[in-house]
Amino acid sequence: MKKQLSNVAFGGSWSEEILNTSELLDALDVIAQAADDCVERDVRSAALEAALTRIQAKVGKGTELCDQFRRAIAEPNHGLRMQNAQQAARRLRLWCGPGS
């Protein structure tokens, strides 16, 4: 996406907004996938942490919501882990705003 937008000579702020939205959506997708997979395996990874860090930097209340997600995927009970992780992922998506 960044490469495509670099070819636009008059991009202005809308091109930066598209890029930020795209990065945010990518991060939310990584988080949602982790929430779906956490019952089967340990989903903690560098990619997930990068996604959570990106959300923390861009979203008000991001730190609190990302910490909830981190706690959820560390839950020892399989059923509760998935339930709490999916709920935290939904909250993150809601706080990221429309289109996310």
C-alpha atoms as a PDB file:
ATOM      1  CA  MET A   1       0.000   0.000   0.000  1.00  0.00           C
ATOM      2  CA  LYS A   2       2.810   2.408   0.921  1.00  0.00           C
ATOM      3  CA  LYS A   3       4.486   1.822  -2.446  1.00  0.00           C
ATOM      4  CA  GLN A   4       1.247   2.445  -4.346  1.00  0.00           C
ATOM      5  CA  LEU A   5       0.593   5.704  -2.519  1.00  0.00           C
ATOM      6  CA  SER A   6       4.149   6.940  -3.035  1.00  0.00           C
ATOM      7  CA  ASN A   7       3.379   7.298  -6.746  1.00  0.00           C
ATOM      8  CA  VAL A   8       0.706   9.890  -6.013  1.00  0.00           C
ATOM      9  CA  ALA A   9       2.285  13.317  -6.365  1.00  0.00           C
ATOM     10  CA  PHE A  10      -0.556  15.212  -4.715  1.00  0.00           C
ATOM     11  CA  GLY A  11      -1.549  12.649  -2.097  1.00  0.00           C
ATOM     12  CA  GLY A  12      -1.913  15.045   0.777  1.00  0.00           C
ATOM     13  CA  SER A  13      -3.375  13.971   4.083  1.00  0.00           C
ATOM     14  CA  TRP A  14      -5.918  11.575   2.566  1.00  0.00           C
ATOM     15  CA  SER A  15      -3.140   9.255   1.373  1.00  0.00           C
ATOM     16  CA  GLU A  16      -1.677   9.161   4.894  1.00  0.00           C
ATOM     17  CA  GLU A  17      -5.146   8.471   6.284  1.00  0.00           C
ATOM     18  CA  ILE A  18      -5.624   5.547   3.877  1.00  0.00           C
ATOM     19  CA  LEU A  19      -2.268   4.135   4.940  1.00  0.00           C
ATOM     20  CA  ASN A  20      -3.056   4.520   8.657  1.00  0.00           C
ATOM     21  CA  THR A  21      -6.467   2.898   8.200  1.00  0.00           C
ATOM     22  CA  SER A  22      -4.929   0.032   6.253  1.00  0.00           C
ATOM     23  CA  GLU A  23      -2.285  -0.567   8.925  1.00  0.00           C
ATOM     24  CA  LEU A  24      -4.938  -0.457  11.640  1.00  0.00           C
ATOM     25  CA  LEU A  25      -7.134  -2.955   9.795  1.00  0.00           C
ATOM     26  CA  ASP A  26      -4.161  -5.268   9.278  1.00  0.00           C
ATOM     27  CA  ALA A  27      -3.381  -5.105  12.998  1.00  0.00           C
ATOM     28  CA  LEU A  28      -7.007  -5.864  13.888  1.00  0.00           C
ATOM     29  CA  ASP A  29      -6.977  -8.858  11.539  1.00  0.00           C
ATOM     30  CA  VAL A  30      -3.869 -10.261  13.259  1.00  0.00           C
ATOM     31  CA  ILE A  31      -5.551  -9.813  16.644  1.00  0.00           C
ATOM     32  CA  ALA A  32      -8.816 -11.411  15.495  1.00  0.00           C
ATOM     33  CA  GLN A  33      -6.937 -14.398  14.073  1.00  0.00           C
ATOM     34  CA  ALA A  34      -5.045 -14.801  17.343  1.00  0.00           C
ATOM     35  CA  ALA A  35      -8.340 -14.731  19.257  1.00  0.00           C
ATOM     36  CA  ASP A  36      -9.730 -17.485  17.023  1.00  0.00           C
ATOM     37  CA  ASP A  37      -6.587 -19.642  17.273  1.00  0.00           C
ATOM     38  CA  CYS A  38      -5.746 -19.198  20.963  1.00  0.00           C
ATOM     39  CA  VAL A  39      -7.657 -22.271  22.130  1.00  0.00           C
ATOM     40  CA  GLU A  40      -5.455 -24.544  20.004  1.00  0.00           C
ATOM     41  CA  ARG A  41      -2.021 -22.989  20.522  1.00  0.00           C
ATOM     42  CA  ASP A  42      -0.022 -20.238  22.173  1.00  0.00           C
ATOM     43  CA  VAL A  43      -0.586 -17.282  19.838  1.00  0.00           C
ATOM     44  CA  ARG A  44       1.842 -14.894  21.503  1.00  0.00           C
ATOM     45  CA  SER A  45       4.279 -13.833  18.791  1.00  0.00           C
ATOM     46  CA  ALA A  46       6.263 -10.881  17.522  1.00  0.00           C
ATOM     47  CA  ALA A  47       3.612 -10.215  14.859  1.00  0.00           C
ATOM     48  CA  LEU A  48       0.822 -10.146  17.450  1.00  0.00           C
ATOM     49  CA  GLU A  49       2.822  -7.889  19.747  1.00  0.00           C
ATOM     50  CA  ALA A  50       3.540  -5.527  16.839  1.00  0.00           C
ATOM     51  CA  ALA A  51      -0.193  -5.399  16.044  1.00  0.00           C
ATOM     52  CA  LEU A  52      -1.065  -4.661  19.667  1.00  0.00           C
ATOM     53  CA  THR A  53       1.628  -1.979  19.868  1.00  0.00           C
ATOM     54  CA  ARG A  54       0.277  -0.338  16.703  1.00  0.00           C
ATOM     55  CA  ILE A  55      -3.230  -0.256  18.194  1.00  0.00           C
ATOM     56  CA  GLN A  56      -1.907   1.179  21.475  1.00  0.00           C
ATOM     57  CA  ALA A  57      -0.229   4.019  19.597  1.00  0.00           C
ATOM     58  CA  LYS A  58      -3.228   4.906  17.419  1.00  0.00           C
ATOM     59  CA  VAL A  59      -6.302   4.384  19.598  1.00  0.00           C
ATOM     60  CA  GLY A  60      -7.471   6.155  22.701  1.00  0.00           C
ATOM     61  CA  LYS A  61      -7.870   3.570  25.460  1.00  0.00           C
ATOM     62  CA  GLY A  62      -5.673   1.291  23.324  1.00  0.00           C
ATOM     63  CA  THR A  63      -3.280   0.429  26.140  1.00  0.00           C
ATOM     64  CA  GLU A  64      -6.068  -0.738  28.433  1.00  0.00           C
ATOM     65  CA  LEU A  65      -7.783  -2.767  25.702  1.00  0.00           C
ATOM     66  CA  CYS A  66      -4.542  -4.357  24.499  1.00  0.00           C
ATOM     67  CA  ASP A  67      -3.646  -5.303  28.063  1.00  0.00           C
ATOM     68  CA  GLN A  68      -7.047  -6.992  28.364  1.00  0.00           C
ATOM     69  CA  PHE A  69      -6.294  -8.968  25.221  1.00  0.00           C
ATOM     70  CA  ARG A  70      -2.843  -9.979  26.522  1.00  0.00           C
ATOM     71  CA  ARG A  71      -4.400 -11.194  29.781  1.00  0.00           C
ATOM     72  CA  ALA A  72      -7.091 -13.074  27.866  1.00  0.00           C
ATOM     73  CA  ILE A  73      -4.639 -15.078  25.737  1.00  0.00           C
ATOM     74  CA  ALA A  74      -2.651 -15.969  28.867  1.00  0.00           C
ATOM     75  CA  GLU A  75      -5.719 -17.494  30.599  1.00  0.00           C
ATOM     76  CA  PRO A  76      -4.979 -21.139  31.495  1.00  0.00           C
ATOM     77  CA  ASN A  77      -8.572 -22.342  30.927  1.00  0.00           C
ATOM     78  CA  HIS A  78      -9.034 -23.055  27.193  1.00  0.00           C
ATOM     79  CA  GLY A  79     -12.699 -22.097  27.020  1.00  0.00           C
ATOM     80  CA  LEU A  80     -12.318 -18.898  28.989  1.00  0.00           C
ATOM     81  CA  ARG A  81      -9.182 -18.000  27.031  1.00  0.00           C
ATOM     82  CA  MET A  82     -10.993 -18.077  23.686  1.00  0.00           C
ATOM     83  CA  GLN A  83     -14.128 -16.394  25.013  1.00  0.00           C
ATOM     84  CA  ASN A  84     -12.202 -13.559  26.676  1.00  0.00           C
ATOM     85  CA  ALA A  85      -9.821 -13.118  23.732  1.00  0.00           C
ATOM     86  CA  GLN A  86     -12.658 -12.858  21.230  1.00  0.00           C
ATOM     87  CA  GLN A  87     -14.502 -10.403  23.455  1.00  0.00           C
ATOM     88  CA  ALA A  88     -11.347  -8.270  23.832  1.00  0.00           C
ATOM     89  CA  ALA A  89     -10.762  -8.395  20.049  1.00  0.00           C
ATOM     90  CA  ARG A  90     -14.342  -7.178  19.452  1.00  0.00           C
ATOM     91  CA  ARG A  91     -13.819  -4.302  21.902  1.00  0.00           C
ATOM     92  CA  LEU A  92     -10.620  -3.320  20.125  1.00  0.00           C
ATOM     93  CA  ARG A  93     -12.404  -3.278  16.767  1.00  0.00           C
ATOM     94  CA  LEU A  94     -15.224  -1.151  18.186  1.00  0.00           C
ATOM     95  CA  TRP A  95     -12.798   1.383  19.664  1.00  0.00           C
ATOM     96  CA  CYS A  96     -10.926   1.628  16.369  1.00  0.00           C
ATOM     97  CA  GLY A  97     -14.021   3.135  14.812  1.00  0.00           C
ATOM     98  CA  PRO A  98     -16.172   2.747  11.729  1.00  0.00           C
ATOM     99  CA  GLY A  99     -14.786   0.697   8.885  1.00  0.00           C
ATOM    100  CA  SER A 100     -12.645  -1.432  11.164  1.00  0.00           C
END
